[in-house]
Amino acid sequence: MRSRIASSGMIALAVVILLALLRTQPVWQDLTNRGFDLMSTLAPPVPDRPGAILVAIDEPSFSEVGAQWPWPRDIHARLIESLRKAGAKAIGFDVLFAEGADPANDALLAAAAGPDVVFAADETVSDNGFGEMLVRTDPFPALMEAGARSGVVSIALDSDGVARRIARYADSFDQQVLKVSGGTPMPAAGGKRIQYFGPAARYPRVSYYQALDPDKFLPPGFFKDAVVIVGYNLQASPEVGDQGIDVFETPYTLTTRRLMSGPEVHANILD
């Protein structure tokens, strides 16, 4: 009997040690991640109403606007004014306006900016030959002087390239949009897994040119009290080039084979 107990104890100890060793291996993290993907997509909770409307910088908008990228900034000023007039309560630009361009158009964008607007900031890791350095890029100063906020739009990726976790930024784009819209920020959200509410293209989305003239293209009250996120949703626009690459794998990609645009990832995090 004692020998059986001793054997059982040794087996249990071996299993515990084996599991502890496995937890340190990449394969364990991969299994954990894929388990999360499966469980979180089986029957996801769905909000009563989507927490954001997406305004897409897309191919139809390039055709309608009739200008190469980057568009003159007075166009973005017109968009802000149009959305504000239509009743939007918060406007987030998942687009980086890092430097001054044309002074007159920059001034128009700054004049349109205000405390209901969040502009993108970015953080990237740069290798200068002596080591890695974190580089932050903020919107050009006149936008902040006008009362707008900035928020880091960088999206965290797991080792397999899937966007599963909320990035660890105190002033993340999502937290800033939440503040502007009257919500309660969650400072400890960084690192937590994202519960997506569906695969790509589940959030209401309109083209940029439609949002420029909602009275003409959209139903009455479409933007009333809405949080609006403006950003890229492109298939193959040569005008934008590398700046247009803003799509990510999510837990749904394994089954749908579809990527999700950066603005829609932010909409899920916001919700």
C-alpha atoms as a PDB file:
ATOM      1  CA  MET A   1       0.000   0.000   0.000  1.00  0.00           C
ATOM      2  CA  ARG A   2       2.797   2.394   0.964  1.00  0.00           C
ATOM      3  CA  SER A   3       4.608   1.680  -2.278  1.00  0.00           C
ATOM      4  CA  ARG A   4       1.440   2.459  -4.257  1.00  0.00           C
ATOM      5  CA  ILE A   5       1.003   5.738  -2.389  1.00  0.00           C
ATOM      6  CA  ALA A   6       4.645   6.588  -2.969  1.00  0.00           C
ATOM      7  CA  SER A   7       4.319   5.743  -6.670  1.00  0.00           C
ATOM      8  CA  SER A   8       1.170   7.849  -6.981  1.00  0.00           C
ATOM      9  CA  GLY A   9       2.916  10.718  -5.254  1.00  0.00           C
ATOM     10  CA  MET A  10       5.903  10.475  -7.583  1.00  0.00           C
ATOM     11  CA  ILE A  11       3.608  10.421 -10.633  1.00  0.00           C
ATOM     12  CA  ALA A  12       1.695  13.456  -9.359  1.00  0.00           C
ATOM     13  CA  LEU A  13       4.959  15.298  -8.692  1.00  0.00           C
ATOM     14  CA  ALA A  14       6.239  14.408 -12.161  1.00  0.00           C
ATOM     15  CA  VAL A  15       3.004  15.711 -13.733  1.00  0.00           C
ATOM     16  CA  VAL A  16       3.268  18.979 -11.776  1.00  0.00           C
ATOM     17  CA  ILE A  17       6.909  19.428 -12.837  1.00  0.00           C
ATOM     18  CA  LEU A  18       6.044  18.595 -16.443  1.00  0.00           C
ATOM     19  CA  LEU A  19       3.195  21.128 -16.469  1.00  0.00           C
ATOM     20  CA  ALA A  20       5.432  23.765 -14.884  1.00  0.00           C
ATOM     21  CA  LEU A  21       8.050  23.158 -17.572  1.00  0.00           C
ATOM     22  CA  LEU A  22       5.433  23.239 -20.321  1.00  0.00           C
ATOM     23  CA  ARG A  23       4.163  26.612 -19.098  1.00  0.00           C
ATOM     24  CA  THR A  24       7.577  28.085 -19.865  1.00  0.00           C
ATOM     25  CA  GLN A  25       7.523  26.823 -23.451  1.00  0.00           C
ATOM     26  CA  PRO A  26       6.156  28.732 -26.452  1.00  0.00           C
ATOM     27  CA  VAL A  27       3.928  25.780 -27.358  1.00  0.00           C
ATOM     28  CA  TRP A  28       2.046  26.199 -24.069  1.00  0.00           C
ATOM     29  CA  GLN A  29       1.369  29.868 -24.779  1.00  0.00           C
ATOM     30  CA  ASP A  30       0.246  28.960 -28.297  1.00  0.00           C
ATOM     31  CA  LEU A  31      -2.190  26.395 -26.911  1.00  0.00           C
ATOM     32  CA  THR A  32      -3.476  28.900 -24.352  1.00  0.00           C
ATOM     33  CA  ASN A  33      -3.960  31.543 -27.031  1.00  0.00           C
ATOM     34  CA  ARG A  34      -5.774  29.189 -29.381  1.00  0.00           C
ATOM     35  CA  GLY A  35      -7.959  28.025 -26.510  1.00  0.00           C
ATOM     36  CA  PHE A  36      -8.893  31.637 -25.850  1.00  0.00           C
ATOM     37  CA  ASP A  37      -9.614  32.152 -29.564  1.00  0.00           C
ATOM     38  CA  LEU A  38     -12.007  29.196 -29.556  1.00  0.00           C
ATOM     39  CA  MET A  39     -13.809  30.044 -26.326  1.00  0.00           C
ATOM     40  CA  SER A  40     -14.117  33.781 -26.987  1.00  0.00           C
ATOM     41  CA  THR A  41     -15.636  33.313 -30.441  1.00  0.00           C
ATOM     42  CA  LEU A  42     -18.162  30.545 -29.706  1.00  0.00           C
ATOM     43  CA  ALA A  43     -20.869  32.759 -28.216  1.00  0.00           C
ATOM     44  CA  PRO A  44     -19.488  36.267 -27.730  1.00  0.00           C
ATOM     45  CA  PRO A  45     -21.510  38.804 -25.748  1.00  0.00           C
ATOM     46  CA  VAL A  46     -22.948  41.451 -28.034  1.00  0.00           C
ATOM     47  CA  PRO A  47     -23.581  45.042 -26.844  1.00  0.00           C
ATOM     48  CA  ASP A  48     -27.117  46.368 -27.134  1.00  0.00           C
ATOM     49  CA  ARG A  49     -25.778  48.786 -29.700  1.00  0.00           C
ATOM     50  CA  PRO A  50     -22.311  49.207 -31.201  1.00  0.00           C
ATOM     51  CA  GLY A  51     -20.219  51.654 -29.219  1.00  0.00           C
ATOM     52  CA  ALA A  52     -18.734  53.337 -32.276  1.00  0.00           C
ATOM     53  CA  ILE A  53     -19.387  54.148 -35.910  1.00  0.00           C
ATOM     54  CA  LEU A  54     -16.459  53.791 -38.308  1.00  0.00           C
ATOM     55  CA  VAL A  55     -15.732  56.369 -40.983  1.00  0.00           C
ATOM     56  CA  ALA A  56     -13.589  54.625 -43.569  1.00  0.00           C
ATOM     57  CA  ILE A  57     -10.837  56.129 -45.654  1.00  0.00           C
ATOM     58  CA  ASP A  58     -11.549  53.759 -48.525  1.00  0.00           C
ATOM     59  CA  GLU A  59     -11.366  53.410 -52.289  1.00  0.00           C
ATOM     60  CA  PRO A  60     -14.768  55.026 -52.984  1.00  0.00           C
ATOM     61  CA  SER A  61     -13.665  58.038 -50.955  1.00  0.00           C
ATOM     62  CA  PHE A  62     -10.478  58.430 -52.971  1.00  0.00           C
ATOM     63  CA  SER A  63     -12.624  58.497 -56.075  1.00  0.00           C
ATOM     64  CA  GLU A  64     -15.093  61.029 -54.640  1.00  0.00           C
ATOM     65  CA  VAL A  65     -12.546  63.301 -52.965  1.00  0.00           C
ATOM     66  CA  GLY A  66     -10.449  63.340 -56.123  1.00  0.00           C
ATOM     67  CA  ALA A  67      -7.109  63.935 -54.429  1.00  0.00           C
ATOM     68  CA  GLN A  68      -3.999  61.873 -53.772  1.00  0.00           C
ATOM     69  CA  TRP A  69      -2.997  60.904 -50.256  1.00  0.00           C
ATOM     70  CA  PRO A  70      -2.270  62.637 -47.975  1.00  0.00           C
ATOM     71  CA  TRP A  71      -5.397  64.674 -48.500  1.00  0.00           C
ATOM     72  CA  PRO A  72      -5.236  68.420 -47.810  1.00  0.00           C
ATOM     73  CA  ARG A  73      -6.016  68.899 -44.133  1.00  0.00           C
ATOM     74  CA  ASP A  74      -8.860  71.279 -44.765  1.00  0.00           C
ATOM     75  CA  ILE A  75     -10.803  68.159 -45.857  1.00  0.00           C
ATOM     76  CA  HIS A  76     -10.333  66.643 -42.392  1.00  0.00           C
ATOM     77  CA  ALA A  77     -11.395  69.971 -40.883  1.00  0.00           C
ATOM     78  CA  ARG A  78     -14.594  69.785 -42.933  1.00  0.00           C
ATOM     79  CA  LEU A  79     -15.168  66.235 -41.699  1.00  0.00           C
ATOM     80  CA  ILE A  80     -14.881  67.286 -38.045  1.00  0.00           C
ATOM     81  CA  GLU A  81     -17.296  70.138 -38.568  1.00  0.00           C
ATOM     82  CA  SER A  82     -19.715  67.886 -40.463  1.00  0.00           C
ATOM     83  CA  LEU A  83     -19.668  65.179 -37.758  1.00  0.00           C
ATOM     84  CA  ARG A  84     -20.044  67.750 -35.000  1.00  0.00           C
ATOM     85  CA  LYS A  85     -23.009  69.344 -36.781  1.00  0.00           C
ATOM     86  CA  ALA A  86     -24.542  65.872 -37.211  1.00  0.00           C
ATOM     87  CA  GLY A  87     -24.420  65.324 -33.428  1.00  0.00           C
ATOM     88  CA  ALA A  88     -21.335  63.156 -32.876  1.00  0.00           C
ATOM     89  CA  LYS A  89     -20.192  63.377 -29.259  1.00  0.00           C
ATOM     90  CA  ALA A  90     -16.605  62.185 -29.813  1.00  0.00           C
ATOM     91  CA  ILE A  91     -14.382  61.941 -32.875  1.00  0.00           C
ATOM     92  CA  GLY A  92     -11.220  59.832 -32.933  1.00  0.00           C
ATOM     93  CA  PHE A  93      -8.731  59.968 -35.808  1.00  0.00           C
ATOM     94  CA  ASP A  94      -6.796  56.731 -36.197  1.00  0.00           C
ATOM     95  CA  VAL A  95      -4.602  58.730 -38.571  1.00  0.00           C
ATOM     96  CA  LEU A  96      -1.295  60.325 -37.632  1.00  0.00           C
ATOM     97  CA  PHE A  97      -0.866  64.035 -38.345  1.00  0.00           C
ATOM     98  CA  ALA A  98       2.739  64.173 -37.201  1.00  0.00           C
ATOM     99  CA  GLU A  99       4.106  67.260 -38.880  1.00  0.00           C
ATOM    100  CA  GLY A 100       2.938  70.507 -40.299  1.00  0.00           C
ATOM    101  CA  ALA A 101       2.166  70.469 -44.022  1.00  0.00           C
ATOM    102  CA  ASP A 102       0.476  73.403 -45.718  1.00  0.00           C
ATOM    103  CA  PRO A 103       0.246  76.210 -43.117  1.00  0.00           C
ATOM    104  CA  ALA A 104      -3.180  77.433 -44.241  1.00  0.00           C
ATOM    105  CA  ASN A 105      -4.742  73.965 -44.205  1.00  0.00           C
ATOM    106  CA  ASP A 106      -2.988  73.072 -40.931  1.00  0.00           C
ATOM    107  CA  ALA A 107      -4.555  76.166 -39.385  1.00  0.00           C
ATOM    108  CA  LEU A 108      -8.002  75.115 -40.606  1.00  0.00           C
ATOM    109  CA  LEU A 109      -7.608  71.658 -39.049  1.00  0.00           C
ATOM    110  CA  ALA A 110      -6.401  73.172 -35.777  1.00  0.00           C
ATOM    111  CA  ALA A 111      -9.358  75.578 -35.780  1.00  0.00           C
ATOM    112  CA  ALA A 112     -11.765  72.664 -36.227  1.00  0.00           C
ATOM    113  CA  ALA A 113     -10.104  70.578 -33.488  1.00  0.00           C
ATOM    114  CA  GLY A 114     -11.434  70.797 -29.961  1.00  0.00           C
ATOM    115  CA  PRO A 115     -12.017  68.859 -26.732  1.00  0.00           C
ATOM    116  CA  ASP A 116     -14.325  66.395 -28.509  1.00  0.00           C
ATOM    117  CA  VAL A 117     -11.506  65.197 -30.812  1.00  0.00           C
ATOM    118  CA  VAL A 118      -8.734  62.640 -30.242  1.00  0.00           C
ATOM    119  CA  PHE A 119      -5.810  62.477 -32.669  1.00  0.00           C
ATOM    120  CA  ALA A 120      -3.499  59.504 -33.066  1.00  0.00           C
ATOM    121  CA  ALA A 121      -0.062  59.295 -31.516  1.00  0.00           C
ATOM    122  CA  ASP A 122       2.282  56.400 -32.183  1.00  0.00           C
ATOM    123  CA  GLU A 123       5.073  54.522 -30.427  1.00  0.00           C
ATOM    124  CA  THR A 124       7.530  52.343 -32.313  1.00  0.00           C
ATOM    125  CA  VAL A 125      10.729  50.520 -31.427  1.00  0.00           C
ATOM    126  CA  SER A 126      13.764  51.719 -33.395  1.00  0.00           C
ATOM    127  CA  ASP A 127      17.142  49.992 -33.533  1.00  0.00           C
ATOM    128  CA  ASN A 128      19.890  52.606 -33.869  1.00  0.00           C
ATOM    129  CA  GLY A 129      22.735  50.072 -33.940  1.00  0.00           C
ATOM    130  CA  PHE A 130      23.515  50.449 -30.231  1.00  0.00           C
ATOM    131  CA  GLY A 131      20.260  49.034 -28.938  1.00  0.00           C
ATOM    132  CA  GLU A 132      16.532  49.421 -29.212  1.00  0.00           C
ATOM    133  CA  MET A 133      14.926  52.763 -28.511  1.00  0.00           C
ATOM    134  CA  LEU A 134      11.260  53.608 -28.052  1.00  0.00           C
ATOM    135  CA  VAL A 135      10.233  56.461 -30.337  1.00  0.00           C
ATOM    136  CA  ARG A 136       7.010  58.374 -29.814  1.00  0.00           C
ATOM    137  CA  THR A 137       5.387  60.468 -32.531  1.00  0.00           C
ATOM    138  CA  ASP A 138       2.716  62.974 -31.496  1.00  0.00           C
ATOM    139  CA  PRO A 139       0.293  65.084 -33.543  1.00  0.00           C
ATOM    140  CA  PHE A 140       1.682  68.464 -34.570  1.00  0.00           C
ATOM    141  CA  PRO A 141       1.427  70.896 -31.635  1.00  0.00           C
ATOM    142  CA  ALA A 142      -1.265  73.237 -32.968  1.00  0.00           C
ATOM    143  CA  LEU A 143      -3.828  70.431 -32.696  1.00  0.00           C
ATOM    144  CA  MET A 144      -3.187  69.990 -28.983  1.00  0.00           C
ATOM    145  CA  GLU A 145      -3.127  73.729 -28.425  1.00  0.00           C
ATOM    146  CA  ALA A 146      -6.651  73.795 -29.835  1.00  0.00           C
ATOM    147  CA  GLY A 147      -7.829  71.577 -26.969  1.00  0.00           C
ATOM    148  CA  ALA A 148      -7.827  68.176 -28.653  1.00  0.00           C
ATOM    149  CA  ARG A 149      -6.316  65.092 -27.001  1.00  0.00           C
ATOM    150  CA  SER A 150      -3.803  62.606 -28.349  1.00  0.00           C
ATOM    151  CA  GLY A 151      -3.808  58.844 -27.785  1.00  0.00           C
ATOM    152  CA  VAL A 152      -1.413  56.056 -28.754  1.00  0.00           C
ATOM    153  CA  VAL A 153      -2.972  53.920 -31.483  1.00  0.00           C
ATOM    154  CA  SER A 154      -0.302  51.189 -31.463  1.00  0.00           C
ATOM    155  CA  ILE A 155      -1.928  47.741 -31.249  1.00  0.00           C
ATOM    156  CA  ALA A 156      -0.297  44.955 -29.238  1.00  0.00           C
ATOM    157  CA  LEU A 157       0.383  41.648 -31.009  1.00  0.00           C
ATOM    158  CA  ASP A 158       1.036  38.270 -29.446  1.00  0.00           C
ATOM    159  CA  SER A 159       4.012  36.190 -30.610  1.00  0.00           C
ATOM    160  CA  ASP A 160       1.872  34.586 -33.346  1.00  0.00           C
ATOM    161  CA  GLY A 161       0.903  37.997 -34.744  1.00  0.00           C
ATOM    162  CA  VAL A 162      -2.681  38.035 -33.426  1.00  0.00           C
ATOM    163  CA  ALA A 163      -4.144  41.141 -31.754  1.00  0.00           C
ATOM    164  CA  ARG A 164      -5.512  39.655 -28.515  1.00  0.00           C
ATOM    165  CA  ARG A 165      -4.455  42.087 -25.816  1.00  0.00           C
ATOM    166  CA  ILE A 166      -5.072  45.699 -24.933  1.00  0.00           C
ATOM    167  CA  ALA A 167      -1.872  47.709 -25.319  1.00  0.00           C
ATOM    168  CA  ARG A 168      -0.252  48.991 -22.124  1.00  0.00           C
ATOM    169  CA  TYR A 169      -0.570  52.750 -22.585  1.00  0.00           C
ATOM    170  CA  ALA A 170      -2.020  55.016 -19.930  1.00  0.00           C
ATOM    171  CA  ASP A 171      -2.947  57.456 -22.693  1.00  0.00           C
ATOM    172  CA  SER A 172      -4.035  54.885 -25.256  1.00  0.00           C
ATOM    173  CA  PHE A 173      -6.275  56.000 -28.099  1.00  0.00           C
ATOM    174  CA  ASP A 174      -9.160  53.954 -26.679  1.00  0.00           C
ATOM    175  CA  GLN A 175      -8.839  55.402 -23.169  1.00  0.00           C
ATOM    176  CA  GLN A 176      -8.735  58.926 -24.570  1.00  0.00           C
ATOM    177  CA  VAL A 177     -11.788  58.395 -26.783  1.00  0.00           C
ATOM    178  CA  LEU A 178     -13.573  56.916 -23.769  1.00  0.00           C
ATOM    179  CA  LYS A 179     -12.789  60.029 -21.707  1.00  0.00           C
ATOM    180  CA  VAL A 180     -13.919  62.391 -24.456  1.00  0.00           C
ATOM    181  CA  SER A 181     -17.186  60.495 -24.905  1.00  0.00           C
ATOM    182  CA  GLY A 182     -18.018  60.743 -21.198  1.00  0.00           C
ATOM    183  CA  GLY A 183     -17.140  57.179 -20.232  1.00  0.00           C
ATOM    184  CA  THR A 184     -15.087  55.985 -17.274  1.00  0.00           C
ATOM    185  CA  PRO A 185     -11.468  55.106 -18.127  1.00  0.00           C
ATOM    186  CA  MET A 186     -10.009  51.750 -17.043  1.00  0.00           C
ATOM    187  CA  PRO A 187      -6.352  52.449 -16.169  1.00  0.00           C
ATOM    188  CA  ALA A 188      -5.611  48.776 -15.415  1.00  0.00           C
ATOM    189  CA  ALA A 189      -6.942  47.487 -18.742  1.00  0.00           C
ATOM    190  CA  GLY A 190      -3.497  47.183 -20.361  1.00  0.00           C
ATOM    191  CA  GLY A 191      -2.506  43.576 -20.967  1.00  0.00           C
ATOM    192  CA  LYS A 192      -6.005  42.179 -20.637  1.00  0.00           C
ATOM    193  CA  ARG A 193      -7.354  40.057 -23.462  1.00  0.00           C
ATOM    194  CA  ILE A 194      -9.783  41.628 -25.908  1.00  0.00           C
ATOM    195  CA  GLN A 195     -13.261  40.136 -26.129  1.00  0.00           C
ATOM    196  CA  TYR A 196     -14.160  40.750 -29.758  1.00  0.00           C
ATOM    197  CA  PHE A 197     -17.874  40.993 -30.424  1.00  0.00           C
ATOM    198  CA  GLY A 198     -17.722  39.405 -33.851  1.00  0.00           C
ATOM    199  CA  PRO A 199     -15.543  39.006 -36.940  1.00  0.00           C
ATOM    200  CA  ALA A 200     -14.494  41.848 -39.214  1.00  0.00           C
ATOM    201  CA  ALA A 201     -17.134  44.221 -40.632  1.00  0.00           C
ATOM    202  CA  ARG A 202     -19.579  43.914 -37.718  1.00  0.00           C
ATOM    203  CA  TYR A 203     -19.436  47.590 -36.722  1.00  0.00           C
ATOM    204  CA  PRO A 204     -21.467  50.156 -38.677  1.00  0.00           C
ATOM    205  CA  ARG A 205     -19.210  51.736 -41.256  1.00  0.00           C
ATOM    206  CA  VAL A 206     -19.638  54.488 -43.816  1.00  0.00           C
ATOM    207  CA  SER A 207     -17.256  55.937 -46.374  1.00  0.00           C
ATOM    208  CA  TYR A 208     -15.411  59.136 -45.577  1.00  0.00           C
ATOM    209  CA  TYR A 209     -17.091  60.996 -48.433  1.00  0.00           C
ATOM    210  CA  GLN A 210     -20.519  60.055 -47.026  1.00  0.00           C
ATOM    211  CA  ALA A 211     -19.606  61.460 -43.620  1.00  0.00           C
ATOM    212  CA  LEU A 212     -18.526  64.705 -45.288  1.00  0.00           C
ATOM    213  CA  ASP A 213     -22.150  65.198 -46.371  1.00  0.00           C
ATOM    214  CA  PRO A 214     -24.394  63.036 -44.154  1.00  0.00           C
ATOM    215  CA  ASP A 215     -27.530  64.960 -45.082  1.00  0.00           C
ATOM    216  CA  LYS A 216     -27.067  63.797 -48.650  1.00  0.00           C
ATOM    217  CA  PHE A 217     -25.862  60.224 -48.144  1.00  0.00           C
ATOM    218  CA  LEU A 218     -27.020  58.967 -44.728  1.00  0.00           C
ATOM    219  CA  PRO A 219     -30.272  58.572 -42.768  1.00  0.00           C
ATOM    220  CA  PRO A 220     -31.314  61.452 -40.486  1.00  0.00           C
ATOM    221  CA  GLY A 221     -29.717  61.298 -37.044  1.00  0.00           C
ATOM    222  CA  PHE A 222     -27.137  58.705 -38.113  1.00  0.00           C
ATOM    223  CA  PHE A 223     -24.340  60.284 -36.047  1.00  0.00           C
ATOM    224  CA  LYS A 224     -26.516  61.611 -33.224  1.00  0.00           C
ATOM    225  CA  ASP A 225     -24.690  61.061 -29.887  1.00  0.00           C
ATOM    226  CA  ALA A 226     -22.276  58.671 -31.611  1.00  0.00           C
ATOM    227  CA  VAL A 227     -18.612  57.969 -31.006  1.00  0.00           C
ATOM    228  CA  VAL A 228     -16.924  58.117 -34.413  1.00  0.00           C
ATOM    229  CA  ILE A 229     -13.570  56.535 -35.290  1.00  0.00           C
ATOM    230  CA  VAL A 230     -11.976  57.655 -38.543  1.00  0.00           C
ATOM    231  CA  GLY A 231      -9.325  55.483 -40.178  1.00  0.00           C
ATOM    232  CA  TYR A 232      -8.142  53.320 -43.034  1.00  0.00           C
ATOM    233  CA  ASN A 233     -10.188  50.536 -44.547  1.00  0.00           C
ATOM    234  CA  LEU A 234      -8.378  49.852 -47.790  1.00  0.00           C
ATOM    235  CA  GLN A 235      -7.966  46.879 -50.073  1.00  0.00           C
ATOM    236  CA  ALA A 236      -5.387  48.206 -52.512  1.00  0.00           C
ATOM    237  CA  SER A 237      -5.057  51.969 -52.746  1.00  0.00           C
ATOM    238  CA  PRO A 238      -1.670  52.914 -54.235  1.00  0.00           C
ATOM    239  CA  GLU A 239      -2.216  56.514 -53.147  1.00  0.00           C
ATOM    240  CA  VAL A 240      -1.709  55.579 -49.508  1.00  0.00           C
ATOM    241  CA  GLY A 241       1.075  53.051 -49.887  1.00  0.00           C
ATOM    242  CA  ASP A 242       2.545  51.681 -46.669  1.00  0.00           C
ATOM    243  CA  GLN A 243       0.505  54.045 -44.516  1.00  0.00           C
ATOM    244  CA  GLY A 244      -2.632  52.165 -45.526  1.00  0.00           C
ATOM    245  CA  ILE A 245      -1.491  48.872 -44.002  1.00  0.00           C
ATOM    246  CA  ASP A 246      -3.633  48.906 -40.894  1.00  0.00           C
ATOM    247  CA  VAL A 247      -5.194  45.439 -40.665  1.00  0.00           C
ATOM    248  CA  PHE A 248      -4.744  42.725 -38.051  1.00  0.00           C
ATOM    249  CA  GLU A 249      -5.383  39.091 -37.301  1.00  0.00           C
ATOM    250  CA  THR A 250      -7.919  38.503 -34.516  1.00  0.00           C
ATOM    251  CA  PRO A 251      -9.228  35.341 -32.839  1.00  0.00           C
ATOM    252  CA  TYR A 252     -11.787  35.159 -35.668  1.00  0.00           C
ATOM    253  CA  THR A 253      -9.169  35.068 -38.425  1.00  0.00           C
ATOM    254  CA  LEU A 254      -8.505  31.358 -37.874  1.00  0.00           C
ATOM    255  CA  THR A 255     -12.033  30.484 -39.052  1.00  0.00           C
ATOM    256  CA  THR A 256     -13.018  33.435 -41.248  1.00  0.00           C
ATOM    257  CA  ARG A 257      -9.622  34.042 -42.935  1.00  0.00           C
ATOM    258  CA  ARG A 258     -10.375  37.754 -42.704  1.00  0.00           C
ATOM    259  CA  LEU A 259      -8.305  40.538 -41.191  1.00  0.00           C
ATOM    260  CA  MET A 260      -9.774  43.388 -39.170  1.00  0.00           C
ATOM    261  CA  SER A 261      -9.033  47.063 -39.765  1.00  0.00           C
ATOM    262  CA  GLY A 262      -7.255  48.999 -37.031  1.00  0.00           C
ATOM    263  CA  PRO A 263     -10.253  51.295 -36.411  1.00  0.00           C
ATOM    264  CA  GLU A 264     -12.506  48.281 -35.849  1.00  0.00           C
ATOM    265  CA  VAL A 265     -10.000  46.748 -33.417  1.00  0.00           C
ATOM    266  CA  HIS A 266     -10.140  50.027 -31.489  1.00  0.00           C
ATOM    267  CA  ALA A 267     -13.955  49.983 -31.585  1.00  0.00           C
ATOM    268  CA  ASN A 268     -13.956  46.526 -29.960  1.00  0.00           C
ATOM    269  CA  ILE A 269     -11.512  47.659 -27.271  1.00  0.00           C
ATOM    270  CA  LEU A 270     -13.606  50.763 -26.658  1.00  0.00           C
ATOM    271  CA  ASP A 271     -16.721  48.635 -26.149  1.00  0.00           C
END
